[in-house]
Protein backbone atom coordinates (compact mmCIF):
# COMPACT_ATOMS: atom_id res chain seq x y z
CA UNK A 1 0.11 -0.05 0.15
CA UNK A 2 1.57 3.50 -0.78
CA UNK A 3 0.83 6.98 0.81
CA UNK A 4 1.65 9.84 -1.26
CA UNK A 5 2.22 12.44 1.53
CA UNK A 6 1.82 12.66 5.33
CA UNK A 7 -0.08 15.86 5.26
CA UNK A 8 -2.89 14.19 2.98
CA UNK A 9 -3.30 12.36 6.23
CA UNK A 10 -6.26 14.86 8.17
CA UNK A 11 -7.65 14.16 11.74
CA UNK A 12 -10.33 15.36 13.34
CA UNK A 13 -11.32 19.18 14.46
CA UNK A 14 -8.97 20.44 16.84
CA UNK A 15 -11.35 20.26 20.06
CA UNK A 16 -10.56 24.19 20.61
CA UNK A 17 -12.21 25.18 17.41
CA UNK A 18 -14.45 22.34 17.70
CA UNK A 19 -16.25 24.13 20.66
CA UNK A 20 -16.12 27.84 19.50
CA UNK A 21 -17.76 26.15 15.86
CA UNK A 22 -20.25 24.62 18.33
CA UNK A 23 -20.73 27.43 20.77
CA UNK A 24 -21.74 29.47 17.52
CA UNK A 25 -24.15 26.85 15.88
CA UNK A 26 -26.23 26.70 18.95
CA UNK A 27 -26.86 29.98 19.06
CA UNK A 28 -27.50 30.90 15.28
CA UNK A 29 -29.68 27.38 14.89
CA UNK A 30 -31.22 27.36 18.13
CA UNK A 31 -31.42 30.96 20.18
CA UNK A 32 -31.67 33.02 17.17
CA UNK A 33 -34.78 31.05 16.01
CA UNK A 34 -36.26 30.88 19.51
CA UNK A 35 -36.06 34.62 19.83
CA UNK A 36 -37.20 35.25 16.16
CA UNK A 37 -40.37 32.93 16.51
CA UNK A 38 -40.73 34.28 20.05
CA UNK A 39 -41.05 37.91 19.23
CA UNK A 40 -43.25 36.88 15.96
CA UNK A 41 -45.66 35.17 18.29
CA UNK A 42 -45.96 37.99 20.70
CA UNK A 43 -47.07 39.72 18.02
CA UNK A 44 -49.31 37.60 16.55
CA UNK A 45 -51.28 37.04 19.62
CA UNK A 46 -51.66 40.96 19.86
CA UNK A 47 -53.14 40.91 16.90
CA UNK A 48 -55.92 38.42 16.93
CA UNK A 49 -58.25 40.88 18.05
CA UNK A 50 -57.94 42.79 15.01
CA UNK A 51 -58.09 39.59 12.47
CA UNK A 52 -61.65 38.47 11.34
CA UNK A 53 -62.73 35.22 12.36
CA UNK A 54 -61.47 33.62 9.08
CA UNK A 55 -58.22 34.29 7.48
CA UNK A 56 -56.68 33.77 4.04
CA UNK A 57 -54.05 30.79 4.18
CA UNK A 58 -53.50 29.97 0.93
CA UNK A 59 -53.12 32.08 -2.38
CA UNK A 60 -53.43 31.30 -6.19
CA UNK A 61 -53.17 33.18 -9.26
CA UNK A 62 -56.55 34.93 -9.27
CA UNK A 63 -56.23 35.27 -5.38
CA UNK A 64 -57.14 34.17 -1.72
CA UNK A 65 -58.44 30.81 -2.18
CA UNK A 66 -57.90 28.93 1.03
CA UNK A 67 -58.98 30.18 4.53
CA UNK A 68 -58.72 29.37 8.06
CA UNK A 69 -58.54 30.40 11.44
CA UNK A 70 -55.70 32.87 12.70
CA UNK A 71 -54.62 30.64 14.96
CA UNK A 72 -53.20 28.38 11.95
CA UNK A 73 -50.54 30.77 11.16
CA UNK A 74 -49.24 30.42 14.53
CA UNK A 75 -49.11 26.93 14.42
CA UNK A 76 -46.75 27.45 11.17
CA UNK A 77 -44.70 29.77 13.03
CA UNK A 78 -43.69 27.27 15.80
CA UNK A 79 -43.45 24.88 13.63
CA UNK A 80 -41.22 26.37 10.44
CA UNK A 81 -39.52 28.77 12.83
CA UNK A 82 -38.71 26.80 15.86
CA UNK A 83 -39.19 23.22 15.03
CA UNK A 84 -37.42 22.71 11.77
CA UNK A 85 -34.56 25.09 12.65
CA UNK A 86 -34.23 22.79 15.83
CA UNK A 87 -34.40 19.52 14.04
CA UNK A 88 -31.76 20.86 11.66
CA UNK A 89 -29.66 21.68 14.71
CA UNK A 90 -29.93 18.62 16.66
CA UNK A 91 -29.76 16.22 12.99
CA UNK A 92 -26.53 18.24 12.19
CA UNK A 93 -24.98 17.94 15.87
CA UNK A 94 -25.60 13.92 15.68
CA UNK A 95 -24.10 13.62 12.16
CA UNK A 96 -20.94 15.94 12.15
CA UNK A 97 -19.47 14.12 15.66
CA UNK A 98 -15.95 15.59 15.90
CA UNK A 99 -15.94 16.35 12.27
CA UNK A 100 -17.06 19.84 11.37
CA UNK A 101 -17.13 21.59 8.48
CA UNK A 102 -18.62 24.02 5.71
CA UNK A 103 -21.98 21.68 5.63
CA UNK A 104 -22.61 21.86 9.53
CA UNK A 105 -21.87 26.03 9.23
CA UNK A 106 -24.25 26.06 6.28
CA UNK A 107 -26.98 24.05 8.24
CA UNK A 108 -27.02 26.75 11.08
CA UNK A 109 -27.06 29.48 8.31
CA UNK A 110 -30.38 27.82 6.92
CA UNK A 111 -31.78 27.13 10.25
CA UNK A 112 -31.42 31.02 11.31
CA UNK A 113 -32.59 31.86 7.59
CA UNK A 114 -35.73 29.65 8.16
CA UNK A 115 -36.77 31.66 11.56
CA UNK A 116 -36.84 34.66 9.67
CA UNK A 117 -38.65 33.66 6.72
CA UNK A 118 -41.37 32.01 8.64
CA UNK A 119 -41.51 35.31 10.79
CA UNK A 120 -41.80 37.53 8.13
CA UNK A 121 -44.36 35.61 5.92
CA UNK A 122 -46.57 34.46 8.45
CA UNK A 123 -46.83 38.21 10.27
CA UNK A 124 -47.00 39.72 6.61
CA UNK A 125 -49.65 37.57 5.31
CA UNK A 126 -52.00 38.83 8.68
CA UNK A 127 -50.71 42.27 8.53
CA UNK A 128 -52.38 42.46 5.13
CA UNK A 129 -56.07 40.86 6.91
CA UNK A 130 -56.15 43.38 9.90
CA UNK A 131 -59.24 44.96 10.35
CA UNK A 132 -60.70 43.53 7.06
CA UNK A 133 -64.41 43.67 7.25
CA UNK A 134 -63.99 40.82 3.76
CA UNK A 135 -61.54 38.50 3.89
CA UNK A 136 -62.09 38.01 -0.14
CA UNK A 137 -61.01 41.23 -0.57
CA UNK A 138 -57.40 40.82 0.65
CA UNK A 139 -54.29 41.93 -2.03
CA UNK A 140 -51.86 39.18 -3.19
CA UNK A 141 -49.02 38.38 -1.38
CA UNK A 142 -46.04 38.57 -3.83
CA UNK A 143 -44.06 40.98 -2.06
CA UNK A 144 -44.78 39.57 1.50
CA UNK A 145 -42.90 36.10 0.34
CA UNK A 146 -40.28 38.81 -1.86
CA UNK A 147 -39.61 40.31 1.81
CA UNK A 148 -39.50 36.88 3.35
CA UNK A 149 -36.84 35.28 1.18
CA UNK A 150 -34.82 38.55 1.92
CA UNK A 151 -34.67 37.91 5.34
CA UNK A 152 -33.92 34.14 4.85
CA UNK A 153 -30.93 35.72 2.86
CA UNK A 154 -30.00 38.76 5.31
CA UNK A 155 -30.27 36.36 8.18
CA UNK A 156 -28.81 33.65 6.96
CA UNK A 157 -25.95 35.23 5.58
CA UNK A 158 -25.18 37.03 9.18
CA UNK A 159 -25.83 33.72 10.68
CA UNK A 160 -22.84 32.35 8.21
CA UNK A 161 -20.48 34.95 8.63
CA UNK A 162 -20.66 34.62 12.53
CA UNK A 163 -19.64 30.88 12.52
CA UNK A 164 -16.01 30.23 12.35
CA UNK A 165 -14.80 29.21 9.44
CA UNK A 166 -13.49 25.11 9.60
CA UNK A 167 -12.39 23.08 6.91
CA UNK A 168 -13.99 19.73 6.41
CA UNK A 169 -11.09 17.23 7.77
CA UNK A 170 -10.74 13.96 5.90
CA UNK A 171 -10.13 11.07 8.11
CA UNK A 172 -7.01 9.29 8.86
CA UNK A 173 -5.49 6.65 6.81
CA UNK A 174 -5.88 3.01 7.44
CA UNK A 175 -3.37 0.41 7.39
CA UNK A 176 -4.23 -2.91 5.31
CA UNK A 177 -4.66 -5.60 8.22
CA UNK A 178 -2.23 -8.16 5.70
CA UNK A 179 0.03 -7.61 3.16
CA UNK A 180 -0.74 -8.63 -0.54
CA UNK A 181 1.43 -10.03 -2.48
CA UNK A 182 -0.07 -10.98 -6.45
CA UNK A 183 2.40 -13.40 -8.33
CA UNK A 184 2.84 -13.29 -12.26
CA UNK A 185 0.15 -14.99 -13.69
CA UNK A 186 -2.34 -14.79 -10.84
CA UNK A 187 -5.74 -13.21 -10.66
CA UNK A 188 -7.21 -12.52 -7.73
CA UNK A 189 -10.71 -10.90 -7.65
CA UNK A 190 -12.36 -8.92 -4.57
CA UNK A 191 -16.09 -8.55 -4.89
CA UNK A 192 -18.18 -6.70 -2.17
CA UNK A 193 -21.47 -4.76 -1.55
CA UNK A 194 -22.10 -1.11 -0.13
CA UNK A 195 -25.75 -0.75 1.35
CA UNK A 196 -27.00 2.18 2.98
CA UNK A 197 -27.82 1.51 7.04
CA UNK A 198 -30.80 0.06 7.55
CA UNK A 199 -31.99 3.26 10.18
CA UNK A 200 -31.78 5.39 6.71
CA UNK A 201 -33.27 3.37 4.51
CA UNK A 202 -36.10 2.81 6.98
CA UNK A 203 -36.51 6.66 7.13
CA UNK A 204 -36.31 7.23 3.72
CA UNK A 205 -38.72 4.19 3.04
CA UNK A 206 -41.66 5.54 5.65
CA UNK A 207 -41.01 9.06 3.57
CA UNK A 208 -41.47 7.43 0.24
CA UNK A 209 -44.65 5.96 1.69
CA UNK A 210 -45.82 9.22 3.04
CA UNK A 211 -45.80 10.88 -0.17
CA UNK A 212 -47.44 7.92 -1.77
CA UNK A 213 -50.50 8.02 0.79
CA UNK A 214 -51.00 11.93 0.35
CA UNK A 215 -50.06 11.46 -4.01
CA UNK A 216 -53.43 8.68 -3.51
CA UNK A 217 -55.30 10.78 -1.37
CA UNK A 218 -54.59 14.21 -3.62
CA UNK A 219 -55.73 11.65 -6.91
CA UNK A 220 -58.52 10.01 -5.46
CA UNK A 221 -59.74 13.52 -4.26
CA UNK A 222 -59.37 15.35 -7.02
CA UNK A 223 -57.24 17.71 -5.40
CA UNK A 224 -55.03 20.05 -7.94
CA UNK A 225 -51.31 19.08 -7.92
CA UNK A 226 -51.86 15.31 -7.41
CA UNK A 227 -49.92 14.03 -10.66
CA UNK A 228 -47.16 16.26 -9.46
CA UNK A 229 -47.04 14.30 -5.99
CA UNK A 230 -47.17 10.85 -7.84
CA UNK A 231 -43.97 12.20 -10.65
CA UNK A 232 -42.38 13.41 -7.18
CA UNK A 233 -42.83 9.52 -5.53
CA UNK A 234 -42.00 7.62 -8.88
CA UNK A 235 -38.64 10.09 -9.20
CA UNK A 236 -37.67 8.92 -5.45
CA UNK A 237 -38.66 5.54 -5.36
CA UNK A 238 -36.26 5.28 -8.61
CA UNK A 239 -33.44 7.60 -7.03
CA UNK A 240 -33.55 5.23 -3.55
CA UNK A 241 -33.75 1.90 -5.54
CA UNK A 242 -31.17 2.93 -7.71
CA UNK A 243 -28.87 4.10 -5.11
CA UNK A 244 -29.37 2.00 -2.08
CA UNK A 245 -26.73 -0.51 -2.81
CA UNK A 246 -23.55 -0.48 -4.89
CA UNK A 247 -21.65 -3.98 -5.77
CA UNK A 248 -17.83 -2.95 -5.81
CA UNK A 249 -15.22 -4.82 -7.58
CA UNK A 250 -11.62 -4.86 -7.24
CA UNK A 251 -10.08 -7.26 -10.80
CA UNK A 252 -6.47 -6.89 -12.75
CA UNK A 253 -8.52 -4.61 -14.94
CA UNK A 254 -8.74 -1.94 -12.23
CA UNK A 255 -12.10 -1.02 -10.05
CA UNK A 256 -15.39 -0.96 -10.02
CA UNK A 257 -18.94 -0.21 -8.92
CA UNK A 258 -22.73 -0.52 -9.86
CA UNK A 259 -25.69 -0.13 -8.56
CA UNK A 260 -27.91 -3.16 -8.15
CA UNK A 261 -30.02 -1.95 -10.76
CA UNK A 262 -27.02 -1.48 -12.81
CA UNK A 263 -27.16 2.49 -13.20
CA UNK A 264 -25.30 4.39 -11.83
CA UNK A 265 -22.29 2.95 -12.26
CA UNK A 266 -18.44 3.72 -12.52
CA UNK A 267 -15.49 1.78 -13.67
CA UNK A 268 -11.51 3.05 -13.67
CA UNK A 269 -9.27 0.94 -15.38
CA UNK A 270 -6.04 0.11 -14.07
CA UNK A 271 -3.89 2.53 -16.45
CA UNK A 272 -5.85 5.48 -14.75
CA UNK A 273 -5.12 5.02 -11.66
CA UNK A 274 -2.33 6.40 -9.59
CA UNK A 275 -2.72 5.42 -6.44
CA UNK A 276 -5.20 3.54 -4.13
CA UNK A 277 -5.35 3.44 -0.16
CA UNK A 278 -7.74 3.34 2.62
CA UNK A 279 -9.34 5.94 4.57
CA UNK A 280 -11.36 6.58 7.36
CA UNK A 281 -14.74 9.05 6.11
CA UNK A 282 -17.09 11.37 7.70
CA UNK A 283 -20.08 11.62 5.28
CA UNK A 284 -21.63 14.68 7.05
CA UNK A 285 -18.36 16.72 7.35
CA UNK A 286 -16.50 15.36 4.07
CA UNK A 287 -19.60 15.07 2.13
CA UNK A 288 -22.26 17.09 2.98
CA UNK A 289 -24.53 14.21 3.42
CA UNK A 290 -24.89 10.43 2.21
CA UNK A 291 -25.46 8.82 -1.54
CA UNK A 292 -23.02 9.34 -4.55
CA UNK A 293 -21.92 12.76 -3.74
CA UNK A 294 -19.12 15.57 -4.61
CA UNK A 295 -17.19 17.04 -1.97
CA UNK A 296 -16.23 20.82 -2.15
CA UNK A 297 -12.70 19.58 -2.51
CA UNK A 298 -13.92 18.04 -5.83
CA UNK A 299 -13.66 14.29 -4.36
CA UNK A 300 -16.39 12.19 -5.50
CA UNK A 301 -18.00 8.92 -4.43
CA UNK A 302 -20.59 6.67 -3.08
CA UNK A 303 -20.48 7.40 0.68
CA UNK A 304 -22.86 5.11 2.46
CA UNK A 305 -21.51 5.46 6.21
CA UNK A 306 -18.90 6.36 8.41
CA UNK A 307 -16.01 4.66 8.37
CA UNK A 308 -13.53 2.98 6.33
CA UNK A 309 -13.79 3.59 1.89
CA UNK A 310 -11.74 2.78 -0.86
CA UNK A 311 -9.93 6.18 -1.94
CA UNK A 312 -8.77 5.89 -5.87
CA UNK A 313 -6.77 8.17 -6.96
CA UNK A 314 -6.88 8.68 -10.60
CA UNK A 315 -4.26 10.39 -12.85
CA UNK A 316 -5.62 13.97 -14.26
CA UNK A 317 -8.82 13.66 -12.03
CA UNK A 318 -9.78 13.72 -8.48
CA UNK A 319 -10.29 10.54 -6.39
CA UNK A 320 -12.85 8.38 -6.24
CA UNK A 321 -14.12 7.32 -2.98
CA UNK A 322 -16.88 4.16 -1.74
CA UNK A 323 -17.22 3.22 2.06
CA UNK A 324 -17.23 -0.53 1.95
CA UNK A 325 -16.50 -3.05 4.67
CA UNK A 326 -12.64 -4.36 4.49
CA UNK A 327 -11.87 -1.33 2.38
CA UNK A 328 -8.03 -1.70 3.83
CA UNK A 329 -7.65 -5.25 1.82
CA UNK A 330 -9.37 -3.97 -1.66
CA UNK A 331 -7.33 -1.14 -1.45
CA UNK A 332 -4.00 -3.36 -0.61
CA UNK A 333 -4.88 -5.70 -3.39
CA UNK A 334 -5.83 -2.97 -6.07
CA UNK A 335 -2.56 -1.43 -5.19
CA UNK A 336 -1.01 -4.41 -5.61
CA UNK A 337 -2.10 -4.46 -9.53
CA UNK A 338 -1.24 -0.98 -9.71
CA UNK A 339 2.73 -1.80 -9.08
CA UNK A 340 2.56 -4.84 -10.74
CA UNK A 341 1.28 -2.84 -13.83
CA UNK A 342 4.28 -0.33 -13.25
CA UNK A 343 6.58 -3.24 -13.74
CA UNK A 344 8.03 -4.30 -16.91
CA UNK A 345 7.22 -7.78 -18.53
CA UNK A 346 4.42 -8.65 -16.20
CA UNK A 347 1.10 -9.73 -17.44
CA UNK A 348 -1.99 -11.33 -15.59
CA UNK A 349 -3.62 -14.43 -16.45
CA UNK A 350 -6.88 -16.07 -15.01
CA UNK A 351 -5.89 -18.55 -12.78
CA UNK A 352 -9.78 -18.75 -11.12
CA UNK A 353 -8.75 -17.72 -7.48
CA UNK A 354 -11.17 -15.14 -6.17
CA UNK A 355 -11.94 -13.49 -2.67
CA UNK A 356 -14.31 -11.19 -1.25
C-alpha cells in the first residue's frame, strides 16, 4: 500500500476550534430561531383581536382561495420557525460528531434564515388582513414572499458570517490488515456490496410511503397537483432503488462499482489509477451527506456511512471514494495490481482465484 504524503492524512477538528464552532452553531441554529419566533408569536397574539374569524391561508393565481382560523398561522410559525430549525440543529450535531466543516456551518445559517422567513411570511400575510370586514378583499402576497426570502438571505448570511470557518477534515489513513502479494500470472478478484444503513433505508422508505399516501389521497379526491406528487413519488422511488446498494469489484483490470439496478456505475481502468489507499470517511463533514456525492474539494464517490472507504486517486482527475467493509484489503489488492502493472514484463492471466 502506498502513501502519497503525510500532510494528506488529516485528523479530526481540533477541540478548541470545534468548541467555538459548536457554540456559534448553537447560537444561530437554536437561540436565534427561538428569539425570532418568540417575538413573532407575541406580535401575532396581540393582532388576534383585529383579525377576521377566518383568514386567507392560501393564495392562487386569482387571489386568496384557501381560508382558516388565525391560529393556523401560529402553529405554522412555531413549526417552521422553531421546530424545523431545532430539528436541523439536532440532526447536524448528531451527524457531524467530532468532524466539522462547511456543511454544518451552512445548516446553522439555514436554520436561522428559516426562522426569519417563517416570521416574515406569517406576520406579513396577517398584516394584510387586519381590520378587514371581507377577507376575500385581501390583496396578493407577492411582496410578502419577496420580503420573506430577503429576510432568509439576510439573516442566513449574518449567521454564516458569525460562525468560524472550519475546513472539512478527512479521516486517517487505514493500514491494510495483511500484505497482498499477487504473483505474476495470478488473478485475484475482490467483490463486496455496500448498502445504506438500515436506519437510513427505513427512514427513506417511510418518507416514500408518506408521499404515496399523499399522492393517492390527492388523486382520489381530485385535489389539484396530485399528479405532481405522483411524479415525485416515481422519481424518489427510482432514486432510492438505484442508490441504496452498490456492488464493488477489484480485478486485474481495475476498479468498478455499480448499483444493483446497473445504473449509476463507474469503471476506473488500471492505467488511469495513480495510487490507492483505505481511509476513514465522515460523510456529513466531508461530503455534506450520504449517497453519490461530490465534496467541496472535488472528490466524488459513493458515501453510504461513516467508516472505512477505498480512495482511488486517478490521473488528471480527483479521487473517487467508496465506503465499504474490508476497504483495507481491497485497497491493498488494487494497489498491488497498480504496482505490478508498472513492472516491466508482467501480465495477468486468469488462475480462477477470488476473494470477497
